Amino acid sequence: MFDRDLVERKRLVALFEAIEPRLDRYPAIDPPSFRRAVIAALEPLQ
């Protein structure tokens, strides 16, 4: 998806930041770990 430009880096970060404050509603998701995973997925795009 990244190689075909189907995902825009800035848009993905903006969408993640929009949902991040509400992640506490989902106990199976650890917000700091999820943030690290999103950032790690975007590193090759920089």
C-alpha atoms as a PDB file:
ATOM      1  CA  MET A   1       0.000   0.000   0.000  1.00  0.00           C
ATOM      2  CA  PHE A   2       2.858   2.360   0.759  1.00  0.00           C
ATOM      3  CA  ASP A   3       4.700   1.461  -2.450  1.00  0.00           C
ATOM      4  CA  ARG A   4       1.627   2.219  -4.534  1.00  0.00           C
ATOM      5  CA  ASP A   5       0.971   5.515  -2.695  1.00  0.00           C
ATOM      6  CA  LEU A   6      -2.385   4.266  -1.424  1.00  0.00           C
ATOM      7  CA  VAL A   7      -1.507   5.572   2.037  1.00  0.00           C
ATOM      8  CA  GLU A   8      -0.368   9.135   2.650  1.00  0.00           C
ATOM      9  CA  ARG A   9       2.062   9.429   5.567  1.00  0.00           C
ATOM     10  CA  LYS A  10       0.692  12.729   6.875  1.00  0.00           C
ATOM     11  CA  ARG A  11      -2.893  11.535   6.598  1.00  0.00           C
ATOM     12  CA  LEU A  12      -2.149   8.299   8.451  1.00  0.00           C
ATOM     13  CA  VAL A  13      -0.462  10.215  11.267  1.00  0.00           C
ATOM     14  CA  ALA A  14      -3.387  12.657  11.445  1.00  0.00           C
ATOM     15  CA  LEU A  15      -5.922   9.833  11.577  1.00  0.00           C
ATOM     16  CA  PHE A  16      -3.952   8.016  14.253  1.00  0.00           C
ATOM     17  CA  GLU A  17      -3.699  11.172  16.348  1.00  0.00           C
ATOM     18  CA  ALA A  18      -7.457  11.615  16.011  1.00  0.00           C
ATOM     19  CA  ILE A  19      -8.191   8.179  17.502  1.00  0.00           C
ATOM     20  CA  GLU A  20      -5.325   7.983  19.981  1.00  0.00           C
ATOM     21  CA  PRO A  21      -7.094   9.803  22.858  1.00  0.00           C
ATOM     22  CA  ARG A  22      -9.979   7.304  22.712  1.00  0.00           C
ATOM     23  CA  LEU A  23      -7.883   4.123  22.631  1.00  0.00           C
ATOM     24  CA  ASP A  24      -8.435   3.674  26.359  1.00  0.00           C
ATOM     25  CA  ARG A  25     -11.870   2.346  25.404  1.00  0.00           C
ATOM     26  CA  TYR A  26     -10.160  -0.738  24.004  1.00  0.00           C
ATOM     27  CA  PRO A  27      -8.262  -2.521  26.787  1.00  0.00           C
ATOM     28  CA  ALA A  28      -6.624  -4.966  24.364  1.00  0.00           C
ATOM     29  CA  ILE A  29      -4.790  -2.068  22.679  1.00  0.00           C
ATOM     30  CA  ASP A  30      -1.790  -0.535  24.420  1.00  0.00           C
ATOM     31  CA  PRO A  31      -1.682   3.053  23.083  1.00  0.00           C
ATOM     32  CA  PRO A  32       2.106   3.547  23.440  1.00  0.00           C
ATOM     33  CA  SER A  33       2.802   0.237  21.668  1.00  0.00           C
ATOM     34  CA  PHE A  34       0.321   1.078  18.941  1.00  0.00           C
ATOM     35  CA  ARG A  35       1.943   4.500  18.442  1.00  0.00           C
ATOM     36  CA  ARG A  36       5.383   2.872  18.147  1.00  0.00           C
ATOM     37  CA  ALA A  37       4.029   0.407  15.586  1.00  0.00           C
ATOM     38  CA  VAL A  38       2.504   3.191  13.487  1.00  0.00           C
ATOM     39  CA  ILE A  39       5.728   5.201  13.579  1.00  0.00           C
ATOM     40  CA  ALA A  40       7.808   2.109  12.784  1.00  0.00           C
ATOM     41  CA  ALA A  41       5.616   1.356   9.777  1.00  0.00           C
ATOM     42  CA  LEU A  42       6.171   4.879   8.495  1.00  0.00           C
ATOM     43  CA  GLU A  43       9.948   5.038   9.017  1.00  0.00           C
ATOM     44  CA  PRO A  44      10.837   3.579   5.602  1.00  0.00           C
ATOM     45  CA  LEU A  45       8.765   6.319   3.983  1.00  0.00           C
ATOM     46  CA  GLN A  46      10.850   9.169   5.320  1.00  0.00           C
END
